[in-house]
Amino acid sequence: MYTDQLYRIFREESSGVSTDTRTLKKGQLFFALWGQNFNGNEYAAEALDKGASYAVIDDPAYETDRTILVDDCLMELQGLAQHYRKMLGVPVLAITGTNGKTTTRELIAEIMSKKLRVHYTKGNLNNEIGLPLTILSAPDNAEMMILEMGASHSGEIRTLCNVARPDYGIITNIGTAHFEGFGSLEGVLKAKTELYEHLRKINGIAIYDDRNPHLTRKIYRLVSRGVPYSHPTGVELSVEALKSEMNLAVRIRYLHRVYDIQTALFGEYNLENVRAAVATGLFLGVGIDDIVEAVGKYQPGNNRSQVKTTDNNTLICDSYNANPTSMRAALKSFSELKAGRKVLILGDMLELGDRSEEEHLKLLNEIEQVKYEKIFLVGTEFGKVAGDKGFELFSDVVQLSDHLRNNPVTGSLILIKGSRGMTLEKIYELL
């Protein structure tokens, strides 16, 4: 490992770290990573031409006087992030789970910012590359890090924990996603609870949903220090949903006081994300009044549980990601809304492996039981099982966009949900 040399350069001779010449800024330290369809070493010269301080490469064919040759660029990137995390010496909270990671992360960041200077994951930088980049972008004066951890195969959370060394951890839930990498629900559970295994080793603390039987069972087996959502400070905390028209409204009961909050989040399925955030804030010392204010002010972004009103329709934009569990939760909340004309636009759920056809068919059978004005399905996975059900089917978002231009939808309440790879956000401007 070249950690000491790279750390000195990172701190003294660079303005940060980059792995992409398209977004590289002058003075950054460039890491030439490999991908399925590219060799990052081929871009080292371009990075240097654009002003990179040095380029870290792992192929001697691209060596120059401003390159640093290592055995494995990804391992060095992760090693550098691990070292920087250690030198910062701030508490780290890791969040993983099938659904709700991003919303929970952002809610907790909003709450903890009432007390500390918080650095947290932006966008989807939550994998073996994104997490190190998130850590390395933390400012010197950060007082806490909140890191999202995504995983598509077993062992990935363990790797991320080795880099981030979290002191606290949350698994939001366990659901049906990434079967391609995990194989089964038990495989998902085993992979996600690698976070609990890390916390046990370091005597860290898991903040957990004590209403979730899967997680409660694993807590008792794997973690020596667990903090339940319902008693984060030793005092009972209740966070429940109230009846509301569109967005989630919650009632918090704590220390014999009651707080009602109208959130900007669509759907009751976000209740567990709010419970996680409130419990975490209380446990980490944020006052209840500050927590209530932060939850009420939070505005979701990046096409997650957002309600947008256009000149023609009301859109529920939830195209950040999709799997069978999150899809059913969104559809349940949508079906309960009262509206004259309700339209579904659903994109494929990706990375389900051998279970893909079965899960898409099950979902369509359930949708058939509810009356909607129109149902648009986008993608080849839905195409395999749609049969003669009478749904309007499109191979991709381009084909759907052409249809919407020629056949405008107006006066409707529209749920738009699909996996990120389906890029359904491209149709918002047409609605």
Protein backbone atom coordinates (compact mmCIF):
# COMPACT_ATOMS: atom_id res chain seq x y z
CA MET A 1 0.00 0.00 0.00
CA TYR A 2 1.15 3.54 -0.80
CA THR A 3 -1.12 5.18 1.79
CA ASP A 4 1.48 7.41 3.47
CA GLN A 5 2.77 8.81 0.17
CA LEU A 6 -0.73 9.33 -1.22
CA TYR A 7 -1.96 10.89 2.01
CA ARG A 8 0.88 13.43 1.98
CA ILE A 9 0.07 14.36 -1.62
CA PHE A 10 -3.66 14.44 -0.88
CA ARG A 11 -3.15 16.83 2.04
CA GLU A 12 -0.26 18.96 0.79
CA GLU A 13 -0.28 18.95 -3.01
CA SER A 14 -3.84 18.41 -4.16
CA SER A 15 -7.26 20.02 -3.95
CA GLY A 16 -9.11 16.73 -3.59
CA VAL A 17 -9.65 13.46 -5.43
CA SER A 18 -11.23 12.58 -8.78
CA THR A 19 -11.90 9.38 -10.71
CA ASP A 20 -13.52 11.02 -13.73
CA THR A 21 -11.75 13.30 -16.20
CA ARG A 22 -15.10 14.78 -17.24
CA THR A 23 -15.58 16.41 -13.83
CA LEU A 24 -11.95 16.68 -12.72
CA LYS A 25 -10.92 20.03 -11.25
CA LYS A 26 -7.47 21.56 -11.42
CA GLY A 27 -5.17 20.33 -8.66
CA GLN A 28 -7.08 17.13 -7.90
CA LEU A 29 -5.40 13.75 -7.44
CA PHE A 30 -6.67 11.43 -10.20
CA PHE A 31 -7.22 7.70 -9.59
CA ALA A 32 -7.32 5.60 -12.77
CA LEU A 33 -10.02 3.06 -11.94
CA TRP A 34 -11.18 0.17 -14.10
CA GLY A 35 -14.75 -0.42 -15.20
CA GLN A 36 -16.56 -3.08 -17.18
CA ASN A 37 -16.07 -1.16 -20.40
CA PHE A 38 -13.09 1.10 -19.73
CA ASN A 39 -9.54 1.20 -18.43
CA GLY A 40 -8.99 4.33 -16.36
CA ASN A 41 -5.26 4.23 -17.06
CA GLU A 42 -6.03 5.34 -20.59
CA TYR A 43 -7.31 8.65 -19.19
CA ALA A 44 -4.29 9.43 -17.00
CA ALA A 45 -2.67 11.68 -19.60
CA GLU A 46 -5.91 13.58 -20.14
CA ALA A 47 -6.28 14.06 -16.39
CA LEU A 48 -2.78 15.50 -16.16
CA ASP A 49 -3.40 17.76 -19.16
CA LYS A 50 -6.50 19.09 -17.39
CA GLY A 51 -4.46 20.02 -14.33
CA ALA A 52 -4.47 16.99 -12.05
CA SER A 53 -1.67 17.20 -9.48
CA TYR A 54 -0.79 13.53 -10.05
CA ALA A 55 -2.40 10.48 -11.63
CA VAL A 56 -2.48 7.22 -9.67
CA ILE A 57 -2.21 4.32 -12.15
CA ASP A 58 -1.84 0.55 -11.97
CA ASP A 59 -0.57 -0.13 -15.50
CA PRO A 60 3.14 0.66 -16.12
CA ALA A 61 2.43 1.29 -19.82
CA TYR A 62 1.02 4.70 -18.86
CA GLU A 63 3.79 5.79 -16.49
CA THR A 64 5.17 9.37 -16.69
CA ASP A 65 6.97 11.69 -14.30
CA ARG A 66 3.61 12.78 -12.79
CA THR A 67 2.09 9.36 -12.29
CA ILE A 68 2.21 7.16 -9.20
CA LEU A 69 2.30 3.47 -10.09
CA VAL A 70 0.49 1.19 -7.62
CA ASP A 71 -0.71 -2.40 -7.66
CA ASP A 72 -4.44 -1.64 -7.56
CA CYS A 73 -5.94 1.84 -7.85
CA LEU A 74 -9.24 0.96 -6.17
CA MET A 75 -7.49 -0.56 -3.16
CA GLU A 76 -5.32 2.55 -2.84
CA LEU A 77 -8.35 4.84 -3.09
CA GLN A 78 -10.06 2.88 -0.33
CA GLY A 79 -6.89 2.83 1.77
CA LEU A 80 -6.50 6.59 1.46
CA ALA A 81 -10.14 7.12 2.49
CA GLN A 82 -9.71 4.78 5.46
CA HIS A 83 -6.64 6.72 6.60
CA TYR A 84 -8.35 10.11 6.20
CA ARG A 85 -11.38 8.88 8.15
CA LYS A 86 -9.01 7.83 10.96
CA MET A 87 -7.18 11.17 10.93
CA LEU A 88 -10.45 13.15 11.04
CA GLY A 89 -11.44 11.21 14.15
CA VAL A 90 -15.14 12.12 13.94
CA PRO A 91 -18.07 9.80 14.71
CA VAL A 92 -19.41 7.95 11.67
CA LEU A 93 -22.96 6.69 11.20
CA ALA A 94 -23.52 4.13 8.42
CA ILE A 95 -26.92 3.50 6.85
CA THR A 96 -27.85 0.54 4.68
CA GLY A 97 -31.02 -1.41 3.87
CA THR A 98 -33.22 -2.41 0.94
CA ASN A 99 -35.34 0.76 0.89
CA GLY A 100 -35.27 4.16 2.51
CA LYS A 101 -31.49 4.58 2.82
CA THR A 102 -31.31 7.92 1.07
CA THR A 103 -34.35 9.51 2.71
CA THR A 104 -33.23 8.30 6.15
CA ARG A 105 -29.71 9.59 5.54
CA GLU A 106 -30.95 13.02 4.51
CA LEU A 107 -33.44 13.30 7.36
CA ILE A 108 -30.75 12.40 9.89
CA ALA A 109 -28.32 14.85 8.28
CA GLU A 110 -30.98 17.59 8.54
CA ILE A 111 -31.51 16.76 12.22
CA MET A 112 -27.85 16.35 13.21
CA SER A 113 -26.98 19.62 11.47
CA LYS A 114 -28.87 21.35 14.28
CA LYS A 115 -26.00 20.34 16.58
CA LEU A 116 -22.92 19.47 14.51
CA ARG A 117 -21.14 20.23 11.22
CA VAL A 118 -22.25 17.17 9.28
CA HIS A 119 -20.70 15.70 6.15
CA TYR A 120 -22.85 13.13 4.39
CA THR A 121 -23.24 11.08 1.22
CA LYS A 122 -24.55 13.03 -1.77
CA GLY A 123 -26.49 11.43 -4.60
CA ASN A 124 -25.77 7.73 -5.03
CA LEU A 125 -22.09 7.75 -3.99
CA ASN A 126 -22.63 4.76 -1.74
CA ASN A 127 -20.58 1.92 -3.27
CA GLU A 128 -16.95 0.76 -3.19
CA ILE A 129 -15.93 3.85 -5.21
CA GLY A 130 -18.52 6.39 -4.10
CA LEU A 131 -18.07 5.86 -0.37
CA PRO A 132 -14.30 6.54 -0.40
CA LEU A 133 -14.92 9.63 -2.53
CA THR A 134 -17.51 10.83 -0.01
CA ILE A 135 -15.07 10.41 2.87
CA LEU A 136 -12.26 12.13 0.99
CA SER A 137 -14.49 15.13 0.22
CA ALA A 138 -15.13 15.77 3.93
CA PRO A 139 -13.87 19.17 5.11
CA ASP A 140 -11.33 19.40 7.93
CA ASN A 141 -13.89 20.94 10.25
CA ALA A 142 -16.50 18.18 9.87
CA GLU A 143 -17.79 16.97 13.24
CA MET A 144 -19.75 13.93 12.03
CA MET A 145 -20.09 11.79 8.91
CA ILE A 146 -23.28 10.07 7.76
CA LEU A 147 -22.50 7.51 5.09
CA GLU A 148 -24.93 5.53 2.97
CA MET A 149 -23.84 2.02 2.07
CA GLY A 150 -25.34 0.28 -0.94
CA ALA A 151 -24.70 -3.33 -1.86
CA SER A 152 -25.54 -5.58 -4.78
CA HIS A 153 -23.64 -8.65 -3.62
CA SER A 154 -22.47 -10.36 -0.45
CA GLY A 155 -19.31 -8.98 1.14
CA GLU A 156 -19.76 -5.43 -0.17
CA ILE A 157 -21.00 -3.97 3.13
CA ARG A 158 -18.08 -5.64 4.91
CA THR A 159 -15.67 -3.91 2.52
CA LEU A 160 -17.34 -0.55 3.01
CA CYS A 161 -17.24 -0.96 6.79
CA ASN A 162 -13.50 -1.67 6.61
CA VAL A 163 -13.08 1.66 4.82
CA ALA A 164 -15.51 3.82 6.83
CA ARG A 165 -15.15 2.18 10.27
CA PRO A 166 -18.61 3.33 11.41
CA ASP A 167 -19.29 3.78 15.13
CA TYR A 168 -23.06 3.64 14.66
CA GLY A 169 -25.20 1.77 12.15
CA ILE A 170 -28.76 1.59 10.87
CA ILE A 171 -30.32 -1.05 8.63
CA THR A 172 -33.54 0.56 7.44
CA ASN A 173 -35.25 -2.69 6.39
CA ILE A 174 -34.83 -5.96 4.52
CA GLY A 175 -36.81 -6.47 1.31
CA THR A 176 -36.80 -7.98 -2.14
CA ALA A 177 -34.05 -6.34 -4.19
CA HIS A 178 -30.79 -7.26 -5.96
CA PHE A 179 -31.68 -10.98 -6.09
CA GLU A 180 -29.20 -11.10 -8.95
CA GLY A 181 -26.42 -10.68 -6.41
CA PHE A 182 -27.97 -12.08 -3.24
CA GLY A 183 -30.08 -15.00 -4.47
CA SER A 184 -32.81 -14.84 -1.81
CA LEU A 185 -34.34 -12.76 0.97
CA GLU A 186 -32.11 -14.59 3.45
CA GLY A 187 -29.15 -13.64 1.24
CA VAL A 188 -30.18 -9.98 1.42
CA LEU A 189 -30.48 -10.23 5.20
CA LYS A 190 -27.08 -11.86 5.55
CA ALA A 191 -25.41 -9.24 3.35
CA LYS A 192 -26.98 -6.21 5.03
CA THR A 193 -26.22 -7.49 8.54
CA GLU A 194 -22.52 -7.41 7.73
CA LEU A 195 -22.93 -3.90 9.19
CA TYR A 196 -24.05 -5.46 12.50
CA GLU A 197 -21.08 -7.82 12.42
CA HIS A 198 -18.74 -4.85 12.09
CA LEU A 199 -20.41 -3.05 15.00
CA ARG A 200 -20.04 -6.12 17.20
CA LYS A 201 -16.30 -6.25 16.50
CA ILE A 202 -15.71 -2.63 17.50
CA ASN A 203 -18.35 -2.54 20.26
CA GLY A 204 -20.32 -0.05 18.18
CA ILE A 205 -24.00 0.78 18.44
CA ALA A 206 -26.83 -0.34 16.15
CA ILE A 207 -29.92 1.88 16.10
CA TYR A 208 -32.67 -0.47 14.97
CA ASP A 209 -36.35 -0.82 14.15
CA ASP A 210 -37.72 -2.94 16.99
CA ARG A 211 -40.92 -3.48 14.99
CA ASN A 212 -38.96 -5.40 12.38
CA PRO A 213 -38.70 -9.09 13.35
CA HIS A 214 -35.85 -9.84 10.92
CA LEU A 215 -33.66 -7.09 12.31
CA THR A 216 -34.60 -7.64 15.95
CA ARG A 217 -33.64 -11.31 15.64
CA LYS A 218 -30.26 -10.38 14.17
CA ILE A 219 -29.67 -7.64 16.75
CA TYR A 220 -29.92 -10.13 19.61
CA ARG A 221 -27.54 -12.51 17.84
CA LEU A 222 -24.98 -10.14 16.37
CA VAL A 223 -24.80 -6.86 18.30
CA SER A 224 -23.88 -6.27 21.92
CA ARG A 225 -25.14 -2.65 21.94
CA GLY A 226 -28.52 -1.97 20.32
CA VAL A 227 -30.74 1.11 20.58
CA PRO A 228 -34.40 0.54 19.57
CA TYR A 229 -36.37 3.23 17.75
CA SER A 230 -39.07 3.11 20.43
CA HIS A 231 -36.69 3.79 23.37
CA PRO A 232 -33.66 5.69 22.03
CA THR A 233 -32.96 7.49 25.31
CA GLY A 234 -34.52 5.02 27.74
CA VAL A 235 -37.77 7.01 27.44
CA GLU A 236 -40.60 5.79 25.22
CA LEU A 237 -40.80 7.43 21.79
CA SER A 238 -43.87 7.07 19.58
CA VAL A 239 -43.87 8.18 15.93
CA GLU A 240 -47.10 7.33 14.13
CA ALA A 241 -48.78 8.34 10.88
CA LEU A 242 -51.76 10.65 10.86
CA LYS A 243 -54.45 10.74 8.21
CA SER A 244 -53.48 13.11 5.43
CA GLU A 245 -54.42 13.70 1.82
CA MET A 246 -51.13 13.37 -0.02
CA ASN A 247 -47.93 13.75 1.99
CA LEU A 248 -47.08 11.93 5.16
CA ALA A 249 -48.17 13.55 8.43
CA VAL A 250 -46.78 12.20 11.70
CA ARG A 251 -47.51 12.52 15.40
CA ILE A 252 -44.58 12.28 17.80
CA ARG A 253 -45.13 11.54 21.48
CA TYR A 254 -42.13 12.04 23.73
CA LEU A 255 -41.72 13.04 27.39
CA HIS A 256 -45.50 13.55 27.78
CA ARG A 257 -45.63 16.01 24.89
CA VAL A 258 -47.24 15.67 21.47
CA TYR A 259 -45.90 17.10 18.21
CA ASP A 260 -47.73 16.94 14.87
CA ILE A 261 -45.68 17.39 11.69
CA GLN A 262 -46.78 17.70 8.08
CA THR A 263 -43.86 16.38 6.05
CA ALA A 264 -43.05 16.96 2.38
CA LEU A 265 -42.70 13.19 1.81
CA PHE A 266 -45.29 11.29 -0.20
CA GLY A 267 -46.60 8.06 1.25
CA GLU A 268 -47.00 6.36 4.59
CA TYR A 269 -44.15 4.02 3.68
CA ASN A 270 -41.81 6.88 4.66
CA LEU A 271 -42.95 6.60 8.27
CA GLU A 272 -40.14 4.17 9.18
CA ASN A 273 -37.58 6.57 7.72
CA VAL A 274 -38.92 9.35 9.94
CA ARG A 275 -38.94 7.02 12.98
CA ALA A 276 -35.30 6.13 12.31
CA ALA A 277 -34.30 9.78 12.00
CA VAL A 278 -36.15 10.97 15.10
CA ALA A 279 -34.79 8.12 17.22
CA THR A 280 -31.24 8.69 15.98
CA GLY A 281 -31.41 12.42 16.66
CA LEU A 282 -32.64 11.90 20.20
CA PHE A 283 -30.03 9.23 20.92
CA LEU A 284 -27.24 11.47 19.64
CA GLY A 285 -28.33 14.41 21.76
CA VAL A 286 -30.44 16.66 19.53
CA GLY A 287 -33.37 18.32 21.30
CA ILE A 288 -36.88 17.24 20.37
CA ASP A 289 -37.89 20.77 19.30
CA ASP A 290 -34.97 20.94 16.87
CA ILE A 291 -35.85 17.49 15.54
CA VAL A 292 -39.47 18.45 14.92
CA GLU A 293 -38.36 21.61 13.08
CA ALA A 294 -35.85 19.68 10.94
CA VAL A 295 -38.33 16.98 9.89
CA GLY A 296 -40.93 19.60 9.01
CA LYS A 297 -38.47 21.60 6.91
CA TYR A 298 -36.97 18.66 5.02
CA GLN A 299 -37.62 18.71 1.28
CA PRO A 300 -36.98 15.48 -0.62
CA GLY A 301 -34.99 15.73 -3.82
CA ASN A 302 -33.61 13.60 -6.62
CA ASN A 303 -36.98 12.07 -7.58
CA ARG A 304 -37.62 10.42 -4.22
CA SER A 305 -41.17 10.63 -2.84
CA GLN A 306 -41.60 14.10 -4.37
CA VAL A 307 -44.95 15.64 -5.22
CA LYS A 308 -44.80 18.09 -8.14
CA THR A 309 -47.70 20.12 -9.49
CA THR A 310 -47.45 21.04 -13.18
CA ASP A 311 -49.78 23.04 -15.40
CA ASN A 312 -51.45 19.79 -16.45
CA ASN A 313 -51.14 17.19 -13.67
CA THR A 314 -50.00 16.34 -10.17
CA LEU A 315 -46.95 14.06 -10.27
CA ILE A 316 -45.69 11.73 -7.59
CA CYS A 317 -42.05 11.40 -8.63
CA ASP A 318 -40.46 8.27 -7.19
CA SER A 319 -38.16 7.16 -9.99
CA TYR A 320 -34.96 7.19 -7.92
CA ASN A 321 -35.15 3.41 -7.51
CA ALA A 322 -37.54 0.48 -7.44
CA ASN A 323 -37.77 -3.10 -6.23
CA PRO A 324 -40.79 -5.27 -5.36
CA THR A 325 -40.91 -4.06 -1.76
CA SER A 326 -40.70 -0.33 -2.51
CA MET A 327 -42.99 -0.66 -5.52
CA ARG A 328 -45.75 -2.27 -3.45
CA ALA A 329 -45.39 0.35 -0.73
CA ALA A 330 -45.73 3.20 -3.23
CA LEU A 331 -48.68 1.53 -4.99
CA LYS A 332 -50.47 0.97 -1.68
CA SER A 333 -50.19 4.64 -0.72
CA PHE A 334 -51.19 5.72 -4.24
CA SER A 335 -54.24 3.44 -4.32
CA GLU A 336 -55.53 5.01 -1.11
CA LEU A 337 -55.51 8.55 -2.52
CA LYS A 338 -58.77 10.06 -3.69
CA ALA A 339 -58.60 11.51 -7.18
CA GLY A 340 -60.81 11.59 -10.25
CA ARG A 341 -58.19 10.32 -12.70
CA LYS A 342 -55.25 8.26 -11.52
CA VAL A 343 -52.51 7.16 -13.89
CA LEU A 344 -49.62 4.73 -13.30
CA ILE A 345 -46.30 4.95 -15.12
CA LEU A 346 -44.09 2.08 -14.00
CA GLY A 347 -40.61 1.17 -15.18
CA ASP A 348 -38.83 -2.16 -14.87
CA MET A 349 -37.43 -3.27 -11.52
CA LEU A 350 -33.83 -4.15 -12.32
CA GLU A 351 -31.29 -6.57 -10.81
CA LEU A 352 -33.84 -9.21 -9.78
CA GLY A 353 -32.01 -12.03 -11.57
CA ASP A 354 -33.94 -15.28 -11.97
CA ARG A 355 -36.83 -13.85 -9.96
CA SER A 356 -37.46 -10.97 -12.36
CA GLU A 357 -40.32 -12.44 -14.42
CA GLU A 358 -42.04 -13.83 -11.35
CA GLU A 359 -41.85 -10.53 -9.44
CA HIS A 360 -43.01 -8.41 -12.39
CA LEU A 361 -45.94 -10.75 -13.06
CA LYS A 362 -47.00 -10.76 -9.40
CA LEU A 363 -46.99 -6.99 -9.40
CA LEU A 364 -49.12 -6.78 -12.54
CA ASN A 365 -51.64 -9.23 -11.11
CA GLU A 366 -51.97 -7.00 -8.04
CA ILE A 367 -52.31 -3.84 -10.12
CA GLU A 368 -55.19 -5.41 -12.06
CA GLN A 369 -57.25 -5.45 -8.87
CA VAL A 370 -57.27 -1.63 -8.65
CA LYS A 371 -59.03 0.72 -11.08
CA TYR A 372 -56.78 3.24 -12.83
CA GLU A 373 -57.50 5.57 -15.73
CA LYS A 374 -54.35 4.49 -17.57
CA ILE A 375 -51.40 2.21 -16.89
CA PHE A 376 -48.15 2.70 -18.81
CA LEU A 377 -45.43 0.05 -18.46
CA VAL A 378 -41.87 0.77 -19.55
CA GLY A 379 -39.17 -1.82 -20.16
CA THR A 380 -38.44 -5.31 -21.43
CA GLU A 381 -39.03 -7.02 -18.08
CA PHE A 382 -42.63 -5.83 -17.90
CA GLY A 383 -42.88 -6.63 -21.62
CA LYS A 384 -42.13 -10.31 -20.97
CA VAL A 385 -45.13 -10.75 -18.66
CA ALA A 386 -47.68 -8.10 -19.70
CA GLY A 387 -49.36 -10.50 -22.15
CA ASP A 388 -52.90 -9.49 -23.05
CA LYS A 389 -53.65 -7.63 -19.84
CA GLY A 390 -54.43 -4.48 -21.81
CA PHE A 391 -51.72 -2.26 -20.34
CA GLU A 392 -49.97 0.25 -22.60
CA LEU A 393 -46.45 -1.10 -23.05
CA PHE A 394 -43.29 0.75 -24.16
CA SER A 395 -39.83 -0.70 -24.66
CA ASP A 396 -38.03 2.30 -23.19
CA VAL A 397 -38.47 5.89 -22.02
CA VAL A 398 -37.82 7.25 -25.53
CA GLN A 399 -40.80 5.36 -26.93
CA LEU A 400 -42.98 6.48 -24.02
CA SER A 401 -41.88 10.09 -24.52
CA ASP A 402 -42.93 9.99 -28.17
CA HIS A 403 -46.32 8.63 -27.13
CA LEU A 404 -46.84 11.33 -24.49
CA ARG A 405 -45.99 14.09 -26.95
CA ASN A 406 -48.64 12.82 -29.35
CA ASN A 407 -51.15 11.81 -26.66
CA PRO A 408 -50.89 14.30 -23.77
CA VAL A 409 -52.09 13.24 -20.33
CA THR A 410 -53.92 16.02 -18.44
CA GLY A 411 -56.01 16.49 -15.33
CA SER A 412 -54.54 13.44 -13.62
CA LEU A 413 -52.75 12.32 -10.50
CA ILE A 414 -49.76 10.32 -11.77
CA LEU A 415 -47.42 7.95 -9.93
CA ILE A 416 -44.08 7.55 -11.73
CA LYS A 417 -41.88 4.80 -10.33
CA GLY A 418 -39.11 2.58 -11.69
CA SER A 419 -35.49 1.63 -11.25
CA ARG A 420 -32.94 4.38 -11.76
CA GLY A 421 -31.68 2.73 -14.92
CA MET A 422 -35.05 3.31 -16.59
CA THR A 423 -34.49 7.13 -16.43
CA LEU A 424 -38.20 7.88 -16.03
CA GLU A 425 -37.36 11.40 -14.85
CA LYS A 426 -37.00 12.27 -18.53
CA ILE A 427 -40.79 12.29 -18.96
CA TYR A 428 -41.61 14.78 -16.19
CA GLU A 429 -41.45 17.76 -18.54
CA LEU A 430 -44.00 16.06 -20.81
CA LEU A 431 -46.58 15.80 -18.04
